[in-house]
Amino acid sequence: QVQLMESGGGLVQPGGSLRLSCAASGFTFGYYTMKWYRQTPGKEREFVASIYSPGGYTNYADSVKGRFTISRDNAKNTVYLQMHSLKPEDTAVYYCNAQHMTRPTYWGQGTQVTVSS
């Protein structure tokens, strides 16, 4: 059974940091491009960051460049999103996503990140 389990969300003050984790199981993690998306009420889900495998090439939304870092540990089947200098507009539910050109796409259940003083 495929599972993507996000963790690490919570409440943080503006300027603070959080690290999200997404533990994957039930599929060949190393074959998949892993991505983070986020969504706020009333808005479409938006791309945040991606990391390819092999090679580890990364890509970021302009809104998070220089503040967020995506990484992966294929031995642990886990992808991370390190977030620094958080802003209130980063408040959202963050979703983990696994993509492959010829295989099904998978989503996690999401983890809430709230940036507020």
N, C-alpha and C. Protein backbone atom coordinates (compact mmCIF):
# COMPACT_ATOMS: atom_id res chain seq x y z
N GLN A 1 0.85 -1.20 0.00
CA GLN A 1 0.00 0.00 0.00
C GLN A 1 0.88 1.24 0.00
N VAL A 2 0.59 2.16 -0.92
CA VAL A 2 1.38 3.38 -1.04
C VAL A 2 1.02 4.36 0.07
N GLN A 3 2.04 4.91 0.69
CA GLN A 3 1.83 5.94 1.70
C GLN A 3 2.87 7.03 1.56
N LEU A 4 2.42 8.27 1.68
CA LEU A 4 3.29 9.43 1.84
C LEU A 4 2.83 10.11 3.12
N MET A 5 3.70 10.13 4.11
CA MET A 5 3.32 10.63 5.42
C MET A 5 4.15 11.87 5.76
N GLU A 6 3.49 13.04 5.70
CA GLU A 6 4.18 14.28 6.04
C GLU A 6 4.19 14.50 7.55
N SER A 7 5.22 15.19 8.02
CA SER A 7 5.31 15.57 9.43
C SER A 7 6.18 16.82 9.53
N GLY A 8 6.13 17.44 10.71
CA GLY A 8 6.99 18.60 10.96
C GLY A 8 6.30 19.94 10.88
N GLY A 9 5.03 19.95 10.50
CA GLY A 9 4.32 21.22 10.46
C GLY A 9 4.03 21.74 11.85
N GLY A 10 3.54 22.98 11.90
CA GLY A 10 3.21 23.57 13.19
C GLY A 10 3.11 25.07 13.10
N LEU A 11 3.11 25.69 14.29
CA LEU A 11 3.02 27.14 14.40
C LEU A 11 4.43 27.71 14.62
N VAL A 12 4.79 28.71 13.85
CA VAL A 12 6.11 29.33 13.99
C VAL A 12 5.96 30.83 13.79
N GLN A 13 6.81 31.59 14.46
CA GLN A 13 6.77 33.04 14.32
C GLN A 13 7.42 33.47 13.01
N PRO A 14 7.05 34.63 12.49
CA PRO A 14 7.71 35.15 11.29
C PRO A 14 9.23 35.22 11.51
N GLY A 15 9.96 34.80 10.48
CA GLY A 15 11.42 34.74 10.58
C GLY A 15 11.94 33.43 11.09
N GLY A 16 11.06 32.57 11.55
CA GLY A 16 11.47 31.28 12.10
C GLY A 16 11.70 30.23 11.04
N SER A 17 11.99 29.02 11.51
CA SER A 17 12.31 27.90 10.63
C SER A 17 11.51 26.67 11.02
N LEU A 18 11.28 25.84 10.02
CA LEU A 18 10.67 24.53 10.22
C LEU A 18 11.28 23.57 9.21
N ARG A 19 11.29 22.28 9.56
CA ARG A 19 11.68 21.27 8.60
C ARG A 19 10.56 20.26 8.46
N LEU A 20 10.05 20.14 7.25
CA LEU A 20 9.03 19.14 6.96
C LEU A 20 9.71 17.86 6.46
N SER A 21 9.09 16.74 6.82
CA SER A 21 9.55 15.44 6.33
C SER A 21 8.39 14.73 5.67
N CYS A 22 8.73 13.89 4.71
CA CYS A 22 7.72 13.06 4.05
C CYS A 22 8.31 11.67 3.90
N ALA A 23 7.76 10.74 4.64
CA ALA A 23 8.23 9.36 4.60
C ALA A 23 7.37 8.57 3.62
N ALA A 24 8.02 7.91 2.68
CA ALA A 24 7.33 7.19 1.62
C ALA A 24 7.45 5.69 1.80
N SER A 25 6.41 4.98 1.37
CA SER A 25 6.44 3.53 1.39
C SER A 25 5.49 3.00 0.33
N GLY A 26 5.73 1.76 -0.09
CA GLY A 26 4.82 1.10 -1.03
C GLY A 26 5.14 1.30 -2.49
N PHE A 27 6.23 2.04 -2.79
CA PHE A 27 6.65 2.20 -4.17
C PHE A 27 8.16 2.42 -4.20
N THR A 28 8.75 2.35 -5.39
CA THR A 28 10.20 2.48 -5.51
C THR A 28 10.59 3.95 -5.46
N PHE A 29 10.87 4.43 -4.27
CA PHE A 29 11.10 5.85 -4.01
C PHE A 29 12.17 6.44 -4.92
N GLY A 30 13.25 5.72 -5.11
CA GLY A 30 14.38 6.25 -5.87
C GLY A 30 14.08 6.51 -7.33
N TYR A 31 13.00 5.97 -7.86
CA TYR A 31 12.62 6.17 -9.26
C TYR A 31 11.80 7.44 -9.47
N TYR A 32 11.33 8.03 -8.37
CA TYR A 32 10.35 9.10 -8.45
C TYR A 32 10.97 10.47 -8.22
N THR A 33 10.44 11.46 -8.96
CA THR A 33 10.68 12.86 -8.63
C THR A 33 9.78 13.21 -7.45
N MET A 34 10.36 13.82 -6.45
CA MET A 34 9.59 14.19 -5.27
C MET A 34 9.39 15.70 -5.24
N LYS A 35 8.18 16.10 -4.89
CA LYS A 35 7.83 17.52 -4.90
C LYS A 35 7.08 17.89 -3.64
N TRP A 36 7.14 19.17 -3.31
CA TRP A 36 6.30 19.76 -2.29
C TRP A 36 5.39 20.78 -2.95
N TYR A 37 4.12 20.75 -2.55
CA TYR A 37 3.13 21.73 -2.95
C TYR A 37 2.53 22.32 -1.67
N ARG A 38 1.84 23.43 -1.83
CA ARG A 38 1.09 23.99 -0.70
C ARG A 38 -0.22 24.57 -1.18
N GLN A 39 -1.15 24.69 -0.24
CA GLN A 39 -2.49 25.17 -0.59
C GLN A 39 -3.08 25.92 0.58
N THR A 40 -3.70 27.05 0.26
CA THR A 40 -4.46 27.81 1.25
C THR A 40 -5.93 27.79 0.85
N PRO A 41 -6.84 27.99 1.81
CA PRO A 41 -8.27 27.92 1.51
C PRO A 41 -8.66 28.85 0.37
N GLY A 42 -9.41 28.33 -0.57
CA GLY A 42 -9.91 29.14 -1.67
C GLY A 42 -8.93 29.32 -2.81
N LYS A 43 -7.74 28.76 -2.67
CA LYS A 43 -6.74 28.89 -3.73
C LYS A 43 -6.35 27.52 -4.27
N GLU A 44 -5.79 27.52 -5.48
CA GLU A 44 -5.31 26.27 -6.05
C GLU A 44 -4.01 25.85 -5.37
N ARG A 45 -3.79 24.55 -5.41
CA ARG A 45 -2.53 24.03 -4.88
C ARG A 45 -1.38 24.55 -5.75
N GLU A 46 -0.32 25.03 -5.09
CA GLU A 46 0.79 25.59 -5.85
C GLU A 46 2.08 24.84 -5.59
N PHE A 47 2.90 24.79 -6.63
CA PHE A 47 4.19 24.14 -6.57
C PHE A 47 5.13 24.92 -5.66
N VAL A 48 5.91 24.20 -4.85
CA VAL A 48 6.89 24.82 -3.97
C VAL A 48 8.31 24.43 -4.38
N ALA A 49 8.57 23.13 -4.48
CA ALA A 49 9.93 22.67 -4.77
C ALA A 49 9.89 21.25 -5.28
N SER A 50 10.95 20.87 -6.02
CA SER A 50 11.06 19.51 -6.52
C SER A 50 12.51 19.05 -6.48
N ILE A 51 12.68 17.74 -6.43
CA ILE A 51 14.01 17.14 -6.46
C ILE A 51 13.96 15.85 -7.25
N TYR A 52 14.88 15.74 -8.20
CA TYR A 52 14.90 14.59 -9.09
C TYR A 52 15.81 13.50 -8.54
N SER A 53 15.63 12.30 -9.08
CA SER A 53 16.48 11.18 -8.74
C SER A 53 16.63 10.28 -9.96
N PRO A 54 17.90 9.91 -10.28
CA PRO A 54 19.11 10.28 -9.57
C PRO A 54 19.57 11.69 -9.92
N GLY A 55 20.60 12.10 -9.30
CA GLY A 55 21.21 13.39 -9.61
C GLY A 55 20.91 14.48 -8.61
N GLY A 56 19.70 14.46 -8.06
CA GLY A 56 19.36 15.45 -7.05
C GLY A 56 19.13 16.85 -7.55
N TYR A 57 18.87 17.01 -8.85
CA TYR A 57 18.59 18.35 -9.37
C TYR A 57 17.35 18.91 -8.68
N THR A 58 17.42 20.18 -8.28
CA THR A 58 16.31 20.80 -7.57
C THR A 58 15.74 21.98 -8.33
N ASN A 59 14.49 22.29 -8.01
CA ASN A 59 13.81 23.43 -8.63
C ASN A 59 12.88 24.04 -7.59
N TYR A 60 12.73 25.37 -7.61
CA TYR A 60 11.95 26.06 -6.59
C TYR A 60 11.03 27.10 -7.21
N ALA A 61 9.91 27.31 -6.54
CA ALA A 61 9.07 28.45 -6.87
C ALA A 61 9.82 29.73 -6.52
N ASP A 62 9.59 30.76 -7.31
CA ASP A 62 10.29 32.02 -7.06
C ASP A 62 10.03 32.55 -5.64
N SER A 63 8.85 32.30 -5.14
CA SER A 63 8.45 32.84 -3.83
C SER A 63 9.24 32.24 -2.67
N VAL A 64 9.91 31.09 -2.90
CA VAL A 64 10.63 30.43 -1.80
C VAL A 64 12.13 30.31 -2.06
N LYS A 65 12.58 30.72 -3.24
CA LYS A 65 14.00 30.61 -3.57
C LYS A 65 14.85 31.35 -2.56
N GLY A 66 15.92 30.70 -2.12
CA GLY A 66 16.81 31.31 -1.15
C GLY A 66 16.38 31.13 0.29
N ARG A 67 15.16 30.66 0.50
CA ARG A 67 14.66 30.45 1.87
C ARG A 67 14.38 28.98 2.17
N PHE A 68 13.94 28.24 1.15
CA PHE A 68 13.59 26.83 1.32
C PHE A 68 14.62 25.95 0.62
N THR A 69 14.85 24.77 1.19
CA THR A 69 15.74 23.79 0.58
C THR A 69 15.08 22.42 0.61
N ILE A 70 14.98 21.81 -0.56
CA ILE A 70 14.45 20.45 -0.64
C ILE A 70 15.63 19.48 -0.71
N SER A 71 15.48 18.34 -0.05
CA SER A 71 16.51 17.30 -0.10
C SER A 71 15.83 15.94 0.04
N ARG A 72 16.58 14.90 -0.25
CA ARG A 72 16.01 13.56 -0.14
C ARG A 72 17.08 12.60 0.34
N ASP A 73 16.62 11.55 1.03
CA ASP A 73 17.48 10.47 1.46
C ASP A 73 16.86 9.19 0.92
N ASN A 74 17.41 8.70 -0.17
CA ASN A 74 16.81 7.52 -0.81
C ASN A 74 16.96 6.27 0.04
N ALA A 75 17.94 6.24 0.91
CA ALA A 75 18.10 5.09 1.80
C ALA A 75 17.00 5.05 2.85
N LYS A 76 16.45 6.21 3.18
CA LYS A 76 15.38 6.29 4.18
C LYS A 76 14.01 6.52 3.53
N ASN A 77 13.97 6.57 2.20
CA ASN A 77 12.70 6.83 1.49
C ASN A 77 12.01 8.09 2.03
N THR A 78 12.78 9.13 2.21
CA THR A 78 12.25 10.33 2.82
C THR A 78 12.71 11.56 2.04
N VAL A 79 11.80 12.51 1.91
CA VAL A 79 12.12 13.81 1.33
C VAL A 79 11.85 14.87 2.39
N TYR A 80 12.66 15.92 2.35
CA TYR A 80 12.59 16.97 3.36
C TYR A 80 12.37 18.33 2.69
N LEU A 81 11.81 19.24 3.47
CA LEU A 81 11.74 20.63 3.06
C LEU A 81 12.16 21.48 4.25
N GLN A 82 13.35 22.02 4.16
CA GLN A 82 13.85 22.92 5.19
C GLN A 82 13.42 24.34 4.84
N MET A 83 12.72 24.97 5.77
CA MET A 83 12.16 26.29 5.52
C MET A 83 12.75 27.29 6.52
N HIS A 84 13.34 28.34 5.99
CA HIS A 84 13.90 29.41 6.81
C HIS A 84 13.22 30.73 6.47
N SER A 85 13.43 31.71 7.35
CA SER A 85 12.89 33.07 7.12
C SER A 85 11.42 33.02 6.74
N LEU A 86 10.67 32.27 7.49
CA LEU A 86 9.26 32.07 7.16
C LEU A 86 8.47 33.36 7.28
N LYS A 87 7.50 33.50 6.38
CA LYS A 87 6.66 34.68 6.31
C LYS A 87 5.20 34.27 6.52
N PRO A 88 4.35 35.18 6.96
CA PRO A 88 2.93 34.84 7.11
C PRO A 88 2.33 34.27 5.82
N GLU A 89 2.79 34.74 4.68
CA GLU A 89 2.25 34.23 3.41
C GLU A 89 2.69 32.81 3.09
N ASP A 90 3.59 32.25 3.87
CA ASP A 90 3.94 30.84 3.74
C ASP A 90 2.94 29.93 4.44
N THR A 91 2.03 30.51 5.18
CA THR A 91 1.01 29.72 5.87
C THR A 91 0.18 28.95 4.86
N ALA A 92 0.10 27.64 5.04
CA ALA A 92 -0.62 26.77 4.10
C ALA A 92 -0.57 25.34 4.61
N VAL A 93 -1.33 24.50 3.96
CA VAL A 93 -1.15 23.06 4.11
C VAL A 93 -0.13 22.62 3.08
N TYR A 94 0.91 21.94 3.52
CA TYR A 94 1.98 21.50 2.64
C TYR A 94 1.80 20.02 2.34
N TYR A 95 1.88 19.71 1.04
CA TYR A 95 1.66 18.35 0.56
C TYR A 95 2.91 17.79 -0.09
N CYS A 96 3.18 16.55 0.18
CA CYS A 96 4.24 15.81 -0.47
C CYS A 96 3.66 15.11 -1.71
N ASN A 97 4.45 15.06 -2.78
CA ASN A 97 3.98 14.51 -4.04
C ASN A 97 5.09 13.68 -4.68
N ALA A 98 4.70 12.53 -5.21
CA ALA A 98 5.65 11.66 -5.91
C ALA A 98 5.20 11.51 -7.36
N GLN A 99 6.12 11.83 -8.29
CA GLN A 99 5.77 11.80 -9.70
C GLN A 99 6.75 10.95 -10.50
N HIS A 100 6.18 10.27 -11.51
CA HIS A 100 6.99 9.47 -12.42
C HIS A 100 6.33 9.57 -13.79
N MET A 101 7.14 9.53 -14.83
CA MET A 101 6.61 9.74 -16.17
C MET A 101 5.62 8.67 -16.59
N THR A 102 5.84 7.44 -16.15
CA THR A 102 5.01 6.34 -16.64
C THR A 102 4.29 5.59 -15.53
N ARG A 103 4.38 6.06 -14.31
CA ARG A 103 3.74 5.38 -13.18
C ARG A 103 2.77 6.34 -12.49
N PRO A 104 1.90 5.81 -11.63
CA PRO A 104 0.91 6.68 -10.96
C PRO A 104 1.58 7.76 -10.11
N THR A 105 0.85 8.86 -9.93
CA THR A 105 1.27 9.95 -9.05
C THR A 105 0.64 9.75 -7.69
N TYR A 106 1.41 10.06 -6.65
CA TYR A 106 0.93 9.88 -5.28
C TYR A 106 1.00 11.19 -4.51
N TRP A 107 0.06 11.35 -3.57
CA TRP A 107 -0.02 12.53 -2.71
C TRP A 107 -0.08 12.11 -1.24
N GLY A 108 0.50 12.93 -0.39
CA GLY A 108 0.33 12.76 1.04
C GLY A 108 -0.94 13.45 1.51
N GLN A 109 -1.19 13.36 2.82
CA GLN A 109 -2.42 13.92 3.38
C GLN A 109 -2.26 15.39 3.77
N GLY A 110 -1.03 15.87 3.80
CA GLY A 110 -0.77 17.28 4.10
C GLY A 110 -0.43 17.53 5.55
N THR A 111 0.35 18.59 5.77
CA THR A 111 0.68 19.04 7.12
C THR A 111 0.55 20.55 7.16
N GLN A 112 -0.07 21.05 8.22
CA GLN A 112 -0.36 22.49 8.33
C GLN A 112 0.88 23.24 8.82
N VAL A 113 1.21 24.31 8.12
CA VAL A 113 2.24 25.25 8.55
C VAL A 113 1.57 26.60 8.75
N THR A 114 1.71 27.14 9.95
CA THR A 114 1.13 28.44 10.26
C THR A 114 2.24 29.37 10.73
N VAL A 115 2.39 30.50 10.05
CA VAL A 115 3.40 31.49 10.40
C VAL A 115 2.67 32.72 10.94
N SER A 116 2.80 32.92 12.23
CA SER A 116 2.06 34.00 12.87
C SER A 116 2.73 34.38 14.17
N SER A 117 2.62 35.66 14.51
CA SER A 117 3.14 36.12 15.80
C SER A 117 2.03 36.11 16.86
